[in-house]
Amino acid sequence: MVTLVLSNEDQCEAYTSDEMIPLLRNLSSSFGMFLSREGRTLLWGKPIYWISTETAPESIVLHDTENAHVVEDNSSVIIVLKRLPAEEKDVYVAAHELGHVLLEREGFPIPKRLPGNVSLAFSLYAMLQDPLINVRLSRYGFDAIAHYTSNVHTSLAVLADKTPPFDFLDRLLWCCNIVGIMLDGEYSQAAVIRQQFEESMFGRFPDLVPEITQLYSLVREIGFDTPEQQRKLLQGIAKKYHLYEVPEEA
């Protein structure tokens, strides 16, 4: 482990990729195949460090979630996981977060600047990238359908006693999360559970249906399979929803 000093002078203990990658390889043959094929692109560029949510500074942990995520500092990329060192059940999530790093290094844009809503930026990021990452992981033997099914069940449980917010940006955040799960189901070819999720959302939140449908239609109209499509789509979303800053290319 090393002591990582962030650009804002926060410090934390972090695992290096030299420590984490061999561990993940040993835990999963699918991870080994993923890295063998994608490693040259993935491990080129800024060094990747790994920290847990328990030890991470507040400045790099999403304020409303303990979910794994990627944070860029000036000279490094930081992957935040729930626990470290990783266990076998953590391999898919670790590979998924590396997938975000991989897409960025392949030229996909990242929505960095949004008006006072960090969670919305991350939600846009996940909505457009998660389906691409999960279908890619499935090619290396990862069970994307099982991961998707678990994600749907978790989301349904979290939303069981919730009502849609009134704030415009918070409603857009909800729509991004819901549309992201719908898209992920399509790309993972999990048709049955995807339909169950959609029916549940539309039944529970009928007043949100027009907004969900509008965002979904925009995403499907422009597409998001390439960096160019995502860049155009983020521009379209920023314009349509009057976001103050157009999400930029990384």
Protein backbone atom coordinates (compact mmCIF):
# COMPACT_ATOMS: atom_id res chain seq x y z
CA MET A 1 0.00 0.00 0.00
CA VAL A 2 1.00 3.61 -0.48
CA THR A 3 -0.04 6.93 0.99
CA LEU A 4 -1.80 8.80 -1.78
CA VAL A 5 -1.74 12.61 -1.64
CA LEU A 6 -4.60 14.17 -3.61
CA SER A 7 -4.57 17.51 -5.39
CA ASN A 8 -6.60 19.07 -2.54
CA GLU A 9 -3.95 17.76 -0.08
CA ASP A 10 -6.23 15.05 1.34
CA GLN A 11 -4.33 11.85 2.09
CA CYS A 12 -5.42 8.22 2.12
CA GLU A 13 -3.99 4.73 2.06
CA ALA A 14 -4.33 3.13 -1.37
CA TYR A 15 -3.52 -0.10 -3.12
CA THR A 16 -1.53 0.19 -6.32
CA SER A 17 -2.55 -1.66 -9.48
CA ASP A 18 0.61 -3.73 -9.10
CA GLU A 19 -1.00 -5.07 -5.93
CA MET A 20 -4.63 -5.27 -7.06
CA ILE A 21 -4.38 -6.66 -10.58
CA PRO A 22 -2.62 -9.94 -9.63
CA LEU A 23 -5.14 -10.43 -6.82
CA LEU A 24 -8.09 -9.99 -9.16
CA ARG A 25 -6.50 -12.27 -11.75
CA ASN A 26 -6.16 -15.00 -9.14
CA LEU A 27 -9.79 -14.62 -8.11
CA SER A 28 -11.29 -14.86 -11.59
CA SER A 29 -10.30 -16.39 -14.92
CA SER A 30 -12.77 -14.01 -16.59
CA PHE A 31 -10.85 -11.08 -15.16
CA GLY A 32 -7.65 -12.58 -16.52
CA MET A 33 -9.16 -12.83 -20.02
CA PHE A 34 -10.50 -9.28 -19.77
CA LEU A 35 -7.10 -7.92 -18.81
CA SER A 36 -5.24 -9.96 -21.40
CA ARG A 37 -7.35 -8.40 -24.14
CA GLU A 38 -7.87 -4.89 -22.79
CA GLY A 39 -4.86 -4.41 -20.53
CA ARG A 40 -2.63 -2.56 -22.98
CA THR A 41 -5.19 0.25 -23.38
CA LEU A 42 -6.36 0.07 -19.79
CA LEU A 43 -3.04 0.32 -18.03
CA TRP A 44 -1.60 3.04 -20.27
CA GLY A 45 -1.84 6.58 -18.94
CA LYS A 46 -2.37 7.87 -15.44
CA PRO A 47 -1.64 5.31 -12.71
CA ILE A 48 -4.70 3.63 -11.17
CA TYR A 49 -5.05 3.44 -7.39
CA TRP A 50 -7.65 1.58 -5.34
CA ILE A 51 -9.20 2.71 -2.06
CA SER A 52 -12.18 1.60 0.02
CA THR A 53 -15.18 3.71 0.96
CA GLU A 54 -14.27 3.18 4.61
CA THR A 55 -10.91 4.94 4.30
CA ALA A 56 -11.58 7.31 1.40
CA PRO A 57 -11.63 11.07 2.08
CA GLU A 58 -15.09 12.61 1.88
CA SER A 59 -13.95 14.69 -1.08
CA ILE A 60 -13.90 11.66 -3.39
CA VAL A 61 -16.84 9.62 -2.09
CA LEU A 62 -20.28 10.30 -3.52
CA HIS A 63 -22.24 11.95 -0.75
CA ASP A 64 -25.41 9.86 -1.17
CA THR A 65 -24.08 6.41 -2.01
CA GLU A 66 -21.51 3.80 -1.10
CA ASN A 67 -21.49 2.41 -4.62
CA ALA A 68 -18.20 1.81 -6.35
CA HIS A 69 -17.08 4.60 -8.65
CA VAL A 70 -14.11 6.16 -10.42
CA VAL A 71 -12.62 9.53 -9.53
CA GLU A 72 -9.97 11.41 -11.51
CA ASP A 73 -7.36 13.39 -9.65
CA ASN A 74 -4.78 15.56 -11.38
CA SER A 75 -2.15 12.86 -11.76
CA SER A 76 -4.01 9.63 -11.03
CA VAL A 77 -7.21 7.64 -11.41
CA ILE A 78 -8.82 6.37 -8.21
CA ILE A 79 -11.23 3.45 -8.06
CA VAL A 80 -13.35 3.43 -4.92
CA LEU A 81 -14.68 0.03 -3.83
CA LYS A 82 -16.74 -0.96 -0.81
CA ARG A 83 -14.00 -3.14 0.63
CA LEU A 84 -10.32 -3.85 0.08
CA PRO A 85 -8.55 -6.11 -0.43
CA ALA A 86 -11.12 -7.40 -2.90
CA GLU A 87 -12.82 -10.74 -2.51
CA GLU A 88 -14.23 -13.04 -5.20
CA LYS A 89 -17.66 -11.38 -5.01
CA ASP A 90 -16.03 -8.01 -5.74
CA VAL A 91 -14.36 -8.99 -9.02
CA TYR A 92 -17.25 -8.03 -11.30
CA VAL A 93 -17.54 -4.59 -9.74
CA ALA A 94 -13.78 -4.07 -9.94
CA ALA A 95 -13.78 -5.06 -13.62
CA HIS A 96 -16.78 -2.81 -14.26
CA GLU A 97 -15.02 0.21 -12.75
CA LEU A 98 -11.95 -0.55 -14.84
CA GLY A 99 -14.35 -0.54 -17.77
CA HIS A 100 -15.10 3.13 -17.12
CA VAL A 101 -11.38 3.87 -17.17
CA LEU A 102 -11.05 1.87 -20.38
CA LEU A 103 -13.84 3.76 -22.16
CA GLU A 104 -12.33 7.10 -21.19
CA ARG A 105 -8.97 6.00 -22.59
CA GLU A 106 -10.74 4.97 -25.80
CA GLY A 107 -12.00 8.53 -26.18
CA PHE A 108 -15.48 8.39 -24.66
CA PRO A 109 -16.55 11.70 -23.07
CA ILE A 110 -17.27 12.12 -19.40
CA PRO A 111 -19.87 14.57 -18.05
CA LYS A 112 -17.71 16.53 -15.64
CA ARG A 113 -19.43 19.82 -14.96
CA LEU A 114 -23.09 20.07 -14.07
CA PRO A 115 -24.93 22.75 -12.11
CA GLY A 116 -24.52 21.91 -8.45
CA ASN A 117 -25.48 18.27 -8.76
CA VAL A 118 -22.54 15.88 -8.63
CA SER A 119 -24.84 12.85 -8.48
CA LEU A 120 -26.48 13.84 -11.77
CA ALA A 121 -23.08 13.90 -13.50
CA PHE A 122 -22.31 10.42 -12.24
CA SER A 123 -25.79 9.21 -13.21
CA LEU A 124 -25.35 10.47 -16.78
CA TYR A 125 -21.96 8.79 -16.84
CA ALA A 126 -23.46 5.48 -15.68
CA MET A 127 -26.53 5.66 -17.95
CA LEU A 128 -24.39 5.86 -21.09
CA GLN A 129 -21.42 3.73 -20.10
CA ASP A 130 -22.77 0.90 -17.94
CA PRO A 131 -24.54 -0.92 -20.80
CA LEU A 132 -21.40 -0.79 -22.97
CA ILE A 133 -19.19 -2.01 -20.15
CA ASN A 134 -21.45 -4.86 -19.06
CA VAL A 135 -21.92 -6.26 -22.56
CA ARG A 136 -18.15 -6.12 -23.06
CA LEU A 137 -17.52 -7.94 -19.80
CA SER A 138 -19.94 -10.68 -20.86
CA ARG A 139 -17.63 -11.47 -23.79
CA TYR A 140 -14.96 -12.52 -21.29
CA GLY A 141 -17.22 -14.87 -19.35
CA PHE A 142 -18.62 -12.50 -16.73
CA ASP A 143 -22.30 -13.12 -15.97
CA ALA A 144 -23.79 -9.78 -16.99
CA ILE A 145 -27.37 -11.04 -16.68
CA ALA A 146 -26.85 -12.09 -13.05
CA HIS A 147 -25.26 -8.71 -12.31
CA TYR A 148 -28.15 -6.92 -14.01
CA THR A 149 -30.76 -8.98 -12.16
CA SER A 150 -29.12 -8.17 -8.82
CA ASN A 151 -28.99 -4.48 -9.75
CA VAL A 152 -32.70 -4.46 -10.64
CA HIS A 153 -33.70 -6.14 -7.39
CA THR A 154 -31.59 -3.68 -5.40
CA SER A 155 -33.09 -0.70 -7.25
CA LEU A 156 -36.65 -1.93 -6.73
CA ALA A 157 -36.01 -2.39 -3.02
CA VAL A 158 -34.48 1.09 -2.69
CA LEU A 159 -37.42 2.71 -4.52
CA ALA A 160 -40.10 0.70 -2.74
CA ASP A 161 -41.11 3.50 -0.36
CA LYS A 162 -39.89 6.47 -2.40
CA THR A 163 -41.86 9.12 -4.29
CA PRO A 164 -40.45 11.16 -7.20
CA PRO A 165 -38.91 14.48 -6.13
CA PHE A 166 -40.25 17.85 -7.23
CA ASP A 167 -36.90 19.47 -7.96
CA PHE A 168 -36.15 19.51 -11.70
CA LEU A 169 -32.57 18.25 -11.49
CA ASP A 170 -33.49 15.57 -8.96
CA ARG A 171 -36.25 14.35 -11.28
CA LEU A 172 -33.76 14.24 -14.14
CA LEU A 173 -31.44 12.23 -11.90
CA TRP A 174 -34.24 9.72 -11.29
CA CYS A 175 -34.94 9.49 -15.01
CA CYS A 176 -31.26 8.92 -15.80
CA ASN A 177 -31.07 6.10 -13.27
CA ILE A 178 -34.24 4.43 -14.55
CA VAL A 179 -33.36 4.82 -18.24
CA GLY A 180 -29.86 3.54 -17.52
CA ILE A 181 -31.26 0.32 -16.05
CA MET A 182 -33.61 -0.06 -19.02
CA LEU A 183 -30.73 0.34 -21.47
CA ASP A 184 -28.51 -2.01 -19.50
CA GLY A 185 -31.21 -4.68 -19.71
CA GLU A 186 -31.39 -4.30 -23.46
CA TYR A 187 -27.65 -4.56 -23.96
CA SER A 188 -27.31 -7.46 -21.50
CA GLN A 189 -30.18 -9.26 -23.28
CA ALA A 190 -32.01 -9.65 -19.98
CA ALA A 191 -35.43 -9.11 -21.58
CA VAL A 192 -37.62 -10.64 -18.88
CA ILE A 193 -36.17 -8.85 -15.86
CA ARG A 194 -35.88 -5.65 -17.88
CA GLN A 195 -39.59 -5.78 -18.70
CA GLN A 196 -40.42 -6.45 -15.05
CA PHE A 197 -38.39 -3.42 -14.02
CA GLU A 198 -40.03 -1.17 -16.60
CA GLU A 199 -43.53 -2.30 -15.68
CA SER A 200 -42.78 -1.73 -12.01
CA MET A 201 -41.41 1.78 -12.59
CA PHE A 202 -44.24 2.81 -14.89
CA GLY A 203 -46.81 1.41 -12.48
CA ARG A 204 -45.35 3.01 -9.36
CA PHE A 205 -44.50 6.40 -10.83
CA PRO A 206 -47.05 7.18 -13.58
CA ASP A 207 -46.42 10.94 -13.36
CA LEU A 208 -42.75 10.30 -14.21
CA VAL A 209 -43.48 8.16 -17.28
CA PRO A 210 -43.54 11.04 -19.83
CA GLU A 211 -40.16 12.26 -18.58
CA ILE A 212 -38.65 8.77 -18.62
CA THR A 213 -39.99 8.16 -22.12
CA GLN A 214 -38.71 11.50 -23.37
CA LEU A 215 -35.18 10.88 -22.14
CA TYR A 216 -35.17 7.28 -23.37
CA SER A 217 -36.32 8.38 -26.82
CA LEU A 218 -33.57 11.01 -27.02
CA VAL A 219 -30.91 8.48 -26.08
CA ARG A 220 -32.13 5.91 -28.61
CA GLU A 221 -32.54 8.52 -31.34
CA ILE A 222 -28.93 9.71 -31.14
CA GLY A 223 -27.32 6.51 -29.86
CA PHE A 224 -24.39 6.07 -27.49
CA ASP A 225 -22.26 3.23 -28.85
CA THR A 226 -19.35 5.42 -29.99
CA PRO A 227 -17.48 8.40 -28.52
CA GLU A 228 -18.92 10.62 -31.24
CA GLN A 229 -22.50 9.54 -30.48
CA GLN A 230 -22.02 10.06 -26.76
CA ARG A 231 -20.52 13.48 -27.28
CA LYS A 232 -23.47 14.48 -29.46
CA LEU A 233 -25.94 12.97 -27.00
CA LEU A 234 -24.45 14.79 -24.00
CA GLN A 235 -24.65 18.02 -25.94
CA GLY A 236 -28.30 17.25 -26.75
CA ILE A 237 -29.14 16.47 -23.14
CA ALA A 238 -27.41 19.64 -21.92
CA LYS A 239 -29.41 21.70 -24.42
CA LYS A 240 -32.76 19.98 -23.89
CA TYR A 241 -32.63 20.14 -20.10
CA HIS A 242 -31.00 23.59 -19.92
CA LEU A 243 -27.95 22.45 -18.02
CA TYR A 244 -25.63 25.34 -17.39
CA GLU A 245 -22.50 23.60 -18.55
CA VAL A 246 -22.27 21.31 -21.56
CA PRO A 247 -20.56 18.07 -20.45
CA GLU A 248 -17.08 18.04 -21.89
CA GLU A 249 -14.82 15.47 -23.39
CA ALA A 250 -12.30 14.14 -20.92
